[in-house]
Amino acid sequence: MQTLDFVIFLVFTLGVVLFGCSFFRKRGSSDEFTSAGRNLPGWLVGMSIFATYVSSISYIGYPGKAFAGNWNAFVFSLSIPVASYLAARYFVPFYRREGSVSAYAFLEQRFGRWARLYASACYLLTQVARMGSILYLLALPMYILMGWNIHAVIIATSVAIILYSMLGGIKAVIWTDAIQGFILIAGAVVCLILIFVNMPGGPSQVFDLAIHSPQGNKFSLGDFSSDLTTSTFWVCLIYGIFINLQNYGIDQNYVQRYHAAKNLKAARFSATFGGYLFIPVSAVFFLIGTALYSYYTALPAQLPASISAKPDYVFPYFIVHSLPTGLRGLLIASIFAAGMSTVATSITSSATIVLTDYIRPFRKAMRERSQLRVLQSSSIVVGIIGMIVAIGMLQVESIIDAWWKLSSIFSGGMLGLFLLGWLTAKTRRIHALIGVIVGVAVIAWITLAEPLQLPGIHLHEYLAIVLGTTAIFVTGFLLTFLIKGNR
């Protein structure tokens, strides 16, 4: 890494941290920390939603998936318009009317405190897994680039993100998200152009080699069969619809941003803008992976076998060895931009849930200063846990597969619980509780069937969220008519 690269990277990273810390207010309020005073413009909140989605999982994981396989995982992106439209049409107005910054307060009103604690616990588990995945991918380029100890990079990055998240709250996170969003888009587009320009047979060679690959068409969206045991087109599409409905409908990361927008119109715009922008940008990441396959197929001597065996390493390796000085630093900075914004979001929203769902209900008369102290200390604890998970993920072969499986399992089917309370007026606590028990059993069966070699069909782990959500909703809905209850 040349001096110029290091200066660009260092200036950007320190600049983001200092900019985020600049939002610290000594006499700030918990409402400022959790919802930014509820006066931010729609484009800013939408850009933050986009940047939250485009984490380093997308920046490195998507090219890795396309390099090793095809565009099957892109089907996930195609499901986003459904979720973002429904969010703008129904979920955003609902949460704005409810008023609570917690996405799970509604569940307590419908089914009791247990429902709120169940959903928020599922959310916290999901965020810890997400932070671990992203922090690992944040550290990967620096490990490949400079040979730095990957554990040390994870720890140092975690400390920096925790610092500005803890001091600046959601307002700092949203503003830094927006800035990082523009940088990561520019970095990805520039990198894609350079790969095409440097193809020995010209840009068209990318498509020739990818389409006629020995593995089959690298642009394929996957198998269209009805097989539910592998990652077919339909499995990815159904998974994407459910996980994105959960993201846009009940994920604290998104609900908190709906409250940060200055009015209902701005909040609705943020949901659609952030979602729709992700589709073309994610296509760029997949095209980078496919282009890298063609590039290293045309120039096989330039890619060591040890790197080729680890698809997530390929894009960072290309950045290190093929980009000119200066641009290399910008790309590394843009990868950090993608990861830092998402981890900061997870830290702030998780801290908000700790306060609103686990502390405030049991301490009704908390002073403002005490609430801020809880938010800040929770940010530190959550960040440290995420850092530990990142270190534990160093042996994972494909971070996209690992993250998608964990998010499907840890979601606990909580979308089904929310829909049960939102769509059915007669469903009572006992119906919802039994539904959750059945849903958790279904998720456990899907998760453990393969490793424990249980009898029967071993469904793909992506379907855990699909069938878990469905089981909770259908069971609770049917029991509404079979078991009478007043609570």
Protein backbone atom coordinates (compact mmCIF):
# COMPACT_ATOMS: atom_id res chain seq x y z
CA MET A 1 0.00 0.00 0.00
CA GLN A 2 1.51 3.28 -1.11
CA THR A 3 1.68 6.33 1.12
CA LEU A 4 -1.03 8.11 -0.89
CA ASP A 5 -3.40 5.15 -0.48
CA PHE A 6 -2.83 5.07 3.24
CA VAL A 7 -3.34 8.84 3.57
CA ILE A 8 -6.64 8.69 1.64
CA PHE A 9 -7.88 5.78 3.72
CA LEU A 10 -6.77 7.29 7.02
CA VAL A 11 -8.17 10.75 6.28
CA PHE A 12 -11.50 9.28 5.26
CA THR A 13 -11.82 6.95 8.25
CA LEU A 14 -10.79 9.55 10.83
CA GLY A 15 -12.95 12.13 9.08
CA VAL A 16 -16.03 9.91 9.40
CA VAL A 17 -15.36 9.27 13.08
CA LEU A 18 -14.78 12.96 13.86
CA PHE A 19 -17.82 14.00 11.82
CA GLY A 20 -19.99 11.51 13.69
CA CYS A 21 -18.63 12.66 17.05
CA SER A 22 -19.42 16.29 16.11
CA PHE A 23 -23.12 15.54 16.67
CA PHE A 24 -22.48 14.97 20.38
CA ARG A 25 -24.46 17.27 22.61
CA LYS A 26 -23.56 17.46 26.27
CA ARG A 27 -27.16 18.20 27.18
CA GLY A 28 -28.80 16.11 24.52
CA SER A 29 -31.96 14.09 25.03
CA SER A 30 -32.80 10.42 24.55
CA ASP A 31 -35.25 11.44 21.80
CA GLU A 32 -32.42 13.14 19.88
CA PHE A 33 -30.28 10.03 20.29
CA THR A 34 -32.99 7.64 19.07
CA SER A 35 -34.92 9.68 16.47
CA ALA A 36 -32.75 12.73 15.63
CA GLY A 37 -35.42 15.18 16.77
CA ARG A 38 -37.79 13.83 14.04
CA ASN A 39 -36.95 16.57 11.53
CA LEU A 40 -34.65 15.09 8.85
CA PRO A 41 -35.40 15.34 5.09
CA GLY A 42 -36.64 12.27 3.20
CA TRP A 43 -33.69 12.04 0.79
CA LEU A 44 -31.24 11.96 3.71
CA VAL A 45 -33.15 9.24 5.56
CA GLY A 46 -33.58 7.28 2.31
CA MET A 47 -29.87 7.46 1.57
CA SER A 48 -29.24 6.19 5.09
CA ILE A 49 -31.60 3.24 4.51
CA PHE A 50 -29.75 2.47 1.29
CA ALA A 51 -26.32 2.67 2.93
CA THR A 52 -27.53 0.44 5.75
CA TYR A 53 -28.50 -2.18 3.15
CA VAL A 54 -25.25 -1.89 1.18
CA SER A 55 -22.92 -3.10 3.87
CA SER A 56 -19.55 -4.72 3.32
CA ILE A 57 -21.58 -7.95 3.01
CA SER A 58 -22.78 -6.55 -0.31
CA TYR A 59 -19.47 -4.91 -1.22
CA ILE A 60 -17.39 -8.05 -0.82
CA GLY A 61 -19.88 -10.89 -0.40
CA TYR A 62 -21.88 -10.23 -3.59
CA PRO A 63 -18.82 -10.15 -5.88
CA GLY A 64 -17.60 -13.29 -4.12
CA LYS A 65 -20.89 -15.10 -4.79
CA ALA A 66 -20.95 -14.03 -8.46
CA PHE A 67 -17.29 -14.99 -8.92
CA ALA A 68 -17.79 -18.48 -7.51
CA GLY A 69 -21.26 -19.11 -8.93
CA ASN A 70 -23.86 -17.03 -10.72
CA TRP A 71 -26.44 -14.28 -10.07
CA ASN A 72 -28.75 -16.48 -8.02
CA ALA A 73 -28.33 -14.27 -4.94
CA PHE A 74 -29.40 -11.20 -6.99
CA VAL A 75 -32.94 -12.59 -6.87
CA PHE A 76 -32.97 -11.36 -3.27
CA SER A 77 -32.63 -7.78 -4.56
CA LEU A 78 -35.51 -8.25 -6.98
CA SER A 79 -37.86 -8.84 -4.05
CA ILE A 80 -37.18 -5.43 -2.49
CA PRO A 81 -39.75 -3.37 -4.48
CA VAL A 82 -42.56 -5.42 -2.95
CA ALA A 83 -41.35 -4.78 0.59
CA SER A 84 -40.50 -1.10 0.13
CA TYR A 85 -43.87 -0.36 -1.52
CA LEU A 86 -45.80 -2.09 1.27
CA ALA A 87 -43.68 -0.27 3.84
CA ALA A 88 -44.41 3.15 2.32
CA ARG A 89 -48.09 2.33 1.88
CA TYR A 90 -48.89 0.66 5.21
CA PHE A 91 -46.03 0.29 7.70
CA VAL A 92 -44.71 3.86 7.70
CA PRO A 93 -48.10 5.49 8.48
CA PHE A 94 -48.73 2.83 11.12
CA TYR A 95 -45.50 3.49 13.01
CA ARG A 96 -45.85 7.26 12.68
CA ARG A 97 -49.29 7.01 14.30
CA GLU A 98 -48.08 4.68 17.04
CA GLY A 99 -45.44 7.19 18.10
CA SER A 100 -43.16 4.76 19.97
CA VAL A 101 -39.63 4.63 18.59
CA SER A 102 -39.54 0.91 19.42
CA ALA A 103 -40.75 -1.31 16.57
CA TYR A 104 -42.06 -3.83 19.10
CA ALA A 105 -44.19 -1.71 21.46
CA PHE A 106 -47.24 -2.65 19.39
CA LEU A 107 -46.74 -6.34 20.17
CA GLU A 108 -46.95 -5.62 23.89
CA GLN A 109 -50.25 -3.79 23.39
CA ARG A 110 -51.70 -6.76 21.50
CA PHE A 111 -50.26 -9.82 23.22
CA GLY A 112 -48.47 -8.71 26.37
CA ARG A 113 -44.88 -8.01 27.34
CA TRP A 114 -43.66 -11.50 26.44
CA ALA A 115 -44.37 -10.81 22.74
CA ARG A 116 -42.40 -7.58 22.79
CA LEU A 117 -39.45 -9.21 24.56
CA TYR A 118 -39.51 -12.19 22.19
CA ALA A 119 -39.41 -10.02 19.07
CA SER A 120 -36.78 -7.66 20.44
CA ALA A 121 -34.59 -10.60 21.51
CA CYS A 122 -34.80 -12.02 17.97
CA TYR A 123 -33.86 -8.60 16.63
CA LEU A 124 -30.83 -8.27 18.93
CA LEU A 125 -29.57 -11.73 17.96
CA THR A 126 -29.92 -10.85 14.29
CA GLN A 127 -28.04 -7.57 14.71
CA VAL A 128 -25.17 -9.21 16.59
CA ALA A 129 -24.79 -11.74 13.75
CA ARG A 130 -24.97 -8.92 11.21
CA MET A 131 -22.34 -6.83 12.97
CA GLY A 132 -20.03 -9.82 13.24
CA SER A 133 -20.34 -10.56 9.52
CA ILE A 134 -19.73 -6.96 8.50
CA LEU A 135 -16.81 -6.30 10.87
CA TYR A 136 -15.11 -9.40 9.51
CA LEU A 137 -15.51 -8.19 5.93
CA LEU A 138 -14.33 -4.73 6.95
CA ALA A 139 -11.07 -6.15 8.24
CA LEU A 140 -10.49 -8.48 5.29
CA PRO A 141 -9.13 -5.91 2.79
CA MET A 142 -6.61 -4.57 5.33
CA TYR A 143 -5.46 -8.09 6.11
CA ILE A 144 -4.90 -8.83 2.42
CA LEU A 145 -3.58 -5.34 1.64
CA MET A 146 -1.04 -4.84 4.39
CA GLY A 147 -0.81 -8.14 6.21
CA TRP A 148 -2.11 -6.55 9.39
CA ASN A 149 -3.37 -8.84 12.12
CA ILE A 150 -7.05 -9.32 11.27
CA HIS A 151 -8.02 -9.53 14.95
CA ALA A 152 -6.39 -6.16 15.62
CA VAL A 153 -8.14 -4.57 12.62
CA ILE A 154 -11.53 -5.85 13.82
CA ILE A 155 -10.93 -4.48 17.32
CA ALA A 156 -9.67 -1.06 16.13
CA THR A 157 -12.54 -0.65 13.66
CA SER A 158 -15.09 -1.65 16.29
CA VAL A 159 -13.76 0.92 18.73
CA ALA A 160 -13.96 3.71 16.12
CA ILE A 161 -17.55 2.86 15.16
CA ILE A 162 -18.66 2.49 18.78
CA LEU A 163 -17.18 5.90 19.56
CA TYR A 164 -19.18 7.97 17.10
CA SER A 165 -22.32 5.84 17.47
CA MET A 166 -22.27 6.30 21.22
CA LEU A 167 -21.61 10.05 21.09
CA GLY A 168 -23.67 11.13 18.09
CA GLY A 169 -26.70 8.83 18.19
CA ILE A 170 -28.97 8.19 15.21
CA LYS A 171 -28.44 11.68 13.75
CA ALA A 172 -24.71 11.07 13.43
CA VAL A 173 -25.38 7.63 11.98
CA ILE A 174 -27.84 8.91 9.34
CA TRP A 175 -25.59 11.76 8.17
CA THR A 176 -22.49 9.58 7.99
CA ASP A 177 -24.56 6.88 6.24
CA ALA A 178 -25.56 9.34 3.53
CA ILE A 179 -22.00 10.52 2.89
CA GLN A 180 -20.66 6.97 2.89
CA GLY A 181 -23.45 5.92 0.51
CA PHE A 182 -22.30 8.33 -2.19
CA ILE A 183 -18.67 7.24 -1.76
CA LEU A 184 -19.38 3.52 -1.96
CA ILE A 185 -21.46 3.92 -5.14
CA ALA A 186 -18.67 5.93 -6.78
CA GLY A 187 -16.04 3.40 -5.72
CA ALA A 188 -17.97 0.41 -7.06
CA VAL A 189 -18.71 2.04 -10.43
CA VAL A 190 -15.09 3.13 -10.93
CA CYS A 191 -13.84 -0.35 -10.10
CA LEU A 192 -16.26 -1.98 -12.53
CA ILE A 193 -15.16 0.35 -15.33
CA LEU A 194 -11.50 -0.46 -14.69
CA ILE A 195 -12.11 -4.21 -14.89
CA PHE A 196 -13.87 -3.81 -18.25
CA VAL A 197 -11.17 -1.49 -19.60
CA ASN A 198 -8.34 -3.85 -18.57
CA MET A 199 -9.80 -6.99 -20.15
CA PRO A 200 -7.17 -8.23 -22.63
CA GLY A 201 -9.83 -8.98 -25.26
CA GLY A 202 -11.84 -5.81 -24.66
CA PRO A 203 -15.01 -5.24 -22.59
CA SER A 204 -17.07 -7.75 -24.60
CA GLN A 205 -14.76 -10.52 -23.38
CA VAL A 206 -16.36 -10.22 -19.93
CA PHE A 207 -19.67 -11.43 -21.33
CA ASP A 208 -18.18 -14.02 -23.71
CA LEU A 209 -16.26 -15.82 -20.97
CA ALA A 210 -19.04 -15.53 -18.39
CA ILE A 211 -21.81 -16.81 -20.66
CA HIS A 212 -19.74 -19.75 -21.93
CA SER A 213 -18.25 -20.67 -18.56
CA PRO A 214 -17.71 -24.42 -17.87
CA GLN A 215 -19.96 -23.89 -14.84
CA GLY A 216 -22.78 -22.66 -17.06
CA ASN A 217 -24.03 -19.14 -17.72
CA LYS A 218 -22.57 -16.94 -14.94
CA PHE A 219 -25.49 -14.52 -15.39
CA SER A 220 -28.02 -17.22 -14.55
CA LEU A 221 -30.52 -16.38 -11.78
CA GLY A 222 -30.48 -19.99 -10.65
CA ASP A 223 -32.46 -23.17 -11.10
CA PHE A 224 -36.18 -22.61 -11.70
CA SER A 225 -37.18 -26.05 -10.41
CA SER A 226 -39.47 -26.56 -7.40
CA ASP A 227 -36.66 -28.12 -5.31
CA LEU A 228 -36.78 -26.64 -1.80
CA THR A 229 -33.57 -28.26 -0.55
CA THR A 230 -31.19 -26.03 -2.54
CA SER A 231 -30.84 -22.32 -3.32
CA THR A 232 -33.11 -22.24 -6.38
CA PHE A 233 -34.58 -19.08 -7.93
CA TRP A 234 -37.83 -19.61 -6.04
CA VAL A 235 -36.16 -20.30 -2.69
CA CYS A 236 -34.16 -17.06 -2.99
CA LEU A 237 -37.20 -15.08 -4.13
CA ILE A 238 -39.46 -16.32 -1.32
CA TYR A 239 -36.67 -15.81 1.21
CA GLY A 240 -36.09 -12.28 -0.12
CA ILE A 241 -39.77 -11.32 0.09
CA PHE A 242 -40.06 -12.52 3.69
CA ILE A 243 -36.76 -11.11 4.94
CA ASN A 244 -37.37 -7.75 3.24
CA LEU A 245 -40.91 -7.53 4.59
CA GLN A 246 -39.37 -8.13 7.98
CA ASN A 247 -36.68 -5.52 7.35
CA TYR A 248 -39.01 -2.80 6.12
CA GLY A 249 -41.93 -3.79 8.32
CA ILE A 250 -40.57 -4.54 11.80
CA ASP A 251 -36.80 -4.07 11.78
CA GLN A 252 -35.75 -1.44 14.31
CA ASN A 253 -33.10 -0.10 11.91
CA TYR A 254 -35.81 0.99 9.50
CA VAL A 255 -38.58 1.91 11.97
CA GLN A 256 -36.20 4.25 13.76
CA ARG A 257 -35.53 6.03 10.49
CA TYR A 258 -39.24 6.38 9.72
CA HIS A 259 -39.49 8.34 12.97
CA ALA A 260 -36.42 10.46 12.15
CA ALA A 261 -38.04 11.86 8.96
CA LYS A 262 -39.65 15.30 9.35
CA ASN A 263 -43.14 14.23 8.21
CA LEU A 264 -45.13 11.30 6.81
CA LYS A 265 -44.40 12.22 3.18
CA ALA A 266 -40.65 12.32 3.81
CA ALA A 267 -40.78 9.00 5.69
CA ARG A 268 -42.64 7.30 2.84
CA PHE A 269 -40.20 8.67 0.29
CA SER A 270 -37.25 7.41 2.34
CA ALA A 271 -38.62 3.84 2.32
CA THR A 272 -39.06 3.66 -1.47
CA PHE A 273 -35.94 5.66 -2.37
CA GLY A 274 -33.62 3.57 -0.20
CA GLY A 275 -35.07 0.29 -1.44
CA TYR A 276 -35.21 1.04 -5.13
CA LEU A 277 -31.68 2.48 -5.20
CA PHE A 278 -30.32 -0.77 -3.80
CA ILE A 279 -31.41 -2.78 -6.86
CA PRO A 280 -29.13 -1.21 -9.51
CA VAL A 281 -26.26 -0.82 -7.06
CA SER A 282 -26.42 -4.49 -6.02
CA ALA A 283 -26.43 -5.38 -9.75
CA VAL A 284 -23.14 -3.48 -10.05
CA PHE A 285 -21.64 -5.62 -7.26
CA PHE A 286 -22.74 -8.85 -8.95
CA LEU A 287 -21.39 -7.61 -12.27
CA ILE A 288 -18.06 -6.88 -10.56
CA GLY A 289 -17.90 -10.51 -9.40
CA THR A 290 -18.75 -11.85 -12.84
CA ALA A 291 -16.26 -9.47 -14.49
CA LEU A 292 -13.57 -10.63 -12.07
CA TYR A 293 -14.28 -14.24 -13.06
CA SER A 294 -13.76 -13.32 -16.72
CA TYR A 295 -10.71 -11.19 -15.92
CA TYR A 296 -8.91 -13.96 -14.04
CA THR A 297 -10.04 -16.59 -16.56
CA ALA A 298 -8.34 -14.53 -19.28
CA LEU A 299 -5.32 -13.89 -17.02
CA PRO A 300 -5.15 -17.00 -14.77
CA ALA A 301 -1.54 -16.46 -13.70
CA GLN A 302 -2.55 -13.28 -11.87
CA LEU A 303 -4.77 -15.03 -9.29
CA PRO A 304 -3.15 -17.39 -6.77
CA ALA A 305 -5.00 -20.64 -6.09
CA SER A 306 -5.19 -19.81 -2.39
CA ILE A 307 -7.21 -16.66 -3.19
CA SER A 308 -9.37 -18.34 -5.83
CA ALA A 309 -10.41 -20.94 -3.25
CA LYS A 310 -11.85 -18.17 -1.05
CA PRO A 311 -14.29 -16.16 -3.19
CA ASP A 312 -14.73 -13.40 -0.59
CA TYR A 313 -10.98 -12.65 -0.94
CA VAL A 314 -11.02 -12.12 -4.73
CA PHE A 315 -12.34 -8.56 -4.93
CA PRO A 316 -10.02 -7.26 -2.16
CA TYR A 317 -7.12 -9.04 -3.91
CA PHE A 318 -7.97 -7.31 -7.20
CA ILE A 319 -8.10 -3.93 -5.46
CA VAL A 320 -4.68 -4.52 -3.91
CA HIS A 321 -2.87 -5.80 -6.98
CA SER A 322 -4.61 -4.24 -9.97
CA LEU A 323 -5.73 -0.72 -9.08
CA PRO A 324 -3.50 2.35 -9.42
CA THR A 325 -2.20 4.25 -6.41
CA GLY A 326 -4.76 6.62 -4.98
CA LEU A 327 -7.73 4.77 -6.42
CA ARG A 328 -6.73 1.79 -4.32
CA GLY A 329 -7.05 3.91 -1.19
CA LEU A 330 -10.43 5.24 -2.35
CA LEU A 331 -11.81 1.72 -2.88
CA ILE A 332 -10.62 0.55 0.51
CA ALA A 333 -12.21 3.66 2.00
CA SER A 334 -15.49 2.93 0.20
CA ILE A 335 -15.55 -0.63 1.56
CA PHE A 336 -15.04 0.81 5.01
CA ALA A 337 -17.82 3.28 4.27
CA ALA A 338 -20.21 0.43 3.49
CA GLY A 339 -19.37 -1.48 6.65
CA MET A 340 -19.08 1.37 9.12
CA SER A 341 -22.50 2.79 8.24
CA THR A 342 -24.26 -0.54 8.76
CA VAL A 343 -22.48 -1.45 11.99
CA ALA A 344 -23.15 2.02 13.40
CA THR A 345 -26.84 1.61 12.54
CA SER A 346 -27.00 -1.78 14.27
CA ILE A 347 -25.29 -0.43 17.38
CA THR A 348 -27.56 2.60 17.72
CA SER A 349 -30.80 0.72 17.03
CA SER A 350 -29.83 -2.13 19.37
CA ALA A 351 -29.06 0.37 22.13
CA THR A 352 -32.47 1.94 21.54
CA ILE A 353 -34.16 -1.46 21.94
CA VAL A 354 -32.27 -2.14 25.17
CA LEU A 355 -33.58 1.13 26.61
CA THR A 356 -37.16 1.06 25.30
CA ASP A 357 -37.88 -2.67 25.69
CA TYR A 358 -35.70 -3.86 28.56
CA ILE A 359 -34.94 -0.91 30.84
CA ARG A 360 -37.64 1.76 30.59
CA PRO A 361 -40.64 -0.58 31.18
CA PHE A 362 -39.16 -1.56 34.54
CA ARG A 363 -37.98 1.94 35.53
CA LYS A 364 -40.86 4.28 34.82
CA ALA A 365 -39.35 7.41 36.39
CA MET A 366 -35.98 7.48 34.63
CA ARG A 367 -34.30 10.86 34.32
CA GLU A 368 -33.15 12.05 30.91
CA ARG A 369 -29.50 11.77 31.88
CA SER A 370 -30.00 8.17 33.05
CA GLN A 371 -31.64 7.24 29.75
CA LEU A 372 -28.74 8.72 27.80
CA ARG A 373 -26.31 6.81 29.99
CA VAL A 374 -28.14 3.55 29.25
CA LEU A 375 -28.08 4.28 25.51
CA GLN A 376 -24.36 5.02 25.54
CA SER A 377 -23.37 2.07 27.72
CA SER A 378 -25.57 -0.28 25.66
CA SER A 379 -23.83 0.95 22.50
CA ILE A 380 -20.50 -0.07 23.99
CA VAL A 381 -21.71 -3.52 25.11
CA VAL A 382 -23.46 -4.33 21.81
CA GLY A 383 -20.42 -3.18 19.83
CA ILE A 384 -18.11 -5.39 21.86
CA ILE A 385 -20.35 -8.43 21.38
CA GLY A 386 -20.44 -7.78 17.63
CA MET A 387 -16.65 -7.58 17.64
CA ILE A 388 -16.38 -10.96 19.38
CA VAL A 389 -18.76 -12.54 16.85
CA ALA A 390 -16.64 -11.10 14.00
CA ILE A 391 -13.55 -12.79 15.35
CA GLY A 392 -15.52 -16.04 15.60
CA MET A 393 -16.46 -15.82 11.91
CA LEU A 394 -12.90 -15.93 10.58
CA GLN A 395 -13.31 -19.56 9.47
CA VAL A 396 -16.49 -18.97 7.42
CA GLU A 397 -16.11 -19.83 3.71
CA SER A 398 -18.93 -17.64 2.30
CA ILE A 399 -20.05 -14.77 4.48
CA ILE A 400 -23.21 -14.24 2.39
CA ASP A 401 -24.35 -17.82 3.03
CA ALA A 402 -23.50 -17.58 6.73
CA TRP A 403 -25.30 -14.26 7.20
CA TRP A 404 -28.42 -15.25 5.25
CA LYS A 405 -28.75 -18.50 7.20
CA LEU A 406 -28.25 -16.80 10.57
CA SER A 407 -30.68 -13.99 9.77
CA SER A 408 -33.29 -16.53 8.66
CA ILE A 409 -32.90 -18.54 11.87
CA PHE A 410 -32.54 -15.69 14.38
CA SER A 411 -35.57 -13.84 13.00
CA GLY A 412 -37.64 -16.37 14.93
CA GLY A 413 -40.57 -15.83 12.57
CA MET A 414 -41.36 -12.55 14.36
CA LEU A 415 -42.88 -11.14 11.18
CA GLY A 416 -45.65 -13.73 11.58
CA LEU A 417 -46.29 -12.53 15.14
CA PHE A 418 -46.51 -8.92 13.98
CA LEU A 419 -48.89 -9.76 11.12
CA LEU A 420 -50.99 -11.82 13.50
CA GLY A 421 -51.48 -8.80 15.75
CA TRP A 422 -51.89 -6.33 12.91
CA LEU A 423 -54.25 -8.18 10.58
CA THR A 424 -56.42 -10.14 13.02
CA ALA A 425 -58.45 -8.25 15.63
CA LYS A 426 -59.78 -11.34 17.46
CA THR A 427 -56.48 -13.14 18.05
CA ARG A 428 -55.60 -13.27 21.75
CA ARG A 429 -52.47 -13.82 23.79
CA ILE A 430 -52.88 -17.60 24.11
CA HIS A 431 -53.32 -17.99 20.35
CA ALA A 432 -50.18 -15.96 19.63
CA LEU A 433 -48.14 -17.79 22.27
CA ILE A 434 -48.98 -21.23 20.89
CA GLY A 435 -48.27 -19.91 17.38
CA VAL A 436 -44.79 -18.76 18.44
CA ILE A 437 -44.07 -22.14 20.07
CA VAL A 438 -45.05 -23.94 16.85
CA GLY A 439 -43.01 -21.45 14.75
CA VAL A 440 -39.89 -21.89 16.87
CA ALA A 441 -40.27 -25.68 16.60
CA VAL A 442 -40.47 -25.42 12.80
CA ILE A 443 -37.37 -23.19 12.67
CA ALA A 444 -35.47 -25.57 14.97
CA TRP A 445 -36.40 -28.53 12.77
CA ILE A 446 -35.24 -26.80 9.56
CA THR A 447 -32.02 -25.66 11.24
CA LEU A 448 -31.09 -28.97 12.87
CA ALA A 449 -32.39 -31.49 10.31
CA GLU A 450 -29.22 -31.51 8.22
CA PRO A 451 -26.50 -31.42 10.93
CA LEU A 452 -28.31 -34.00 13.10
CA GLN A 453 -29.40 -36.11 10.10
CA LEU A 454 -33.03 -36.12 11.22
CA PRO A 455 -35.48 -38.19 9.14
CA GLY A 456 -37.53 -36.53 6.40
CA ILE A 457 -36.80 -33.80 3.84
CA HIS A 458 -33.97 -31.43 4.73
CA LEU A 459 -35.16 -28.01 3.55
CA HIS A 460 -32.75 -25.18 2.81
CA GLU A 461 -31.96 -22.99 5.83
CA TYR A 462 -33.15 -19.89 3.92
CA LEU A 463 -36.68 -21.26 4.35
CA ALA A 464 -36.50 -21.03 8.16
CA ILE A 465 -37.87 -17.49 8.13
CA VAL A 466 -40.48 -18.37 5.50
CA LEU A 467 -41.94 -21.41 7.25
CA GLY A 468 -41.39 -20.04 10.75
CA THR A 469 -43.30 -16.86 9.91
CA THR A 470 -46.05 -18.83 8.17
CA ALA A 471 -46.35 -21.31 11.04
CA ILE A 472 -46.80 -18.56 13.63
CA PHE A 473 -49.40 -16.70 11.60
CA VAL A 474 -51.42 -19.70 10.41
CA THR A 475 -51.37 -21.44 13.81
CA GLY A 476 -52.42 -18.30 15.68
CA PHE A 477 -55.08 -17.47 13.10
CA LEU A 478 -56.66 -20.95 13.18
CA LEU A 479 -56.56 -21.11 16.98
CA THR A 480 -58.50 -17.85 17.07
CA PHE A 481 -61.53 -19.83 15.93
CA LEU A 482 -60.77 -23.04 17.82
CA ILE A 483 -59.82 -21.73 21.27
CA LYS A 484 -61.84 -18.99 22.88
CA GLY A 485 -59.94 -16.60 25.10
CA ASN A 486 -60.29 -13.15 26.59
CA ARG A 487 -56.57 -12.45 26.90
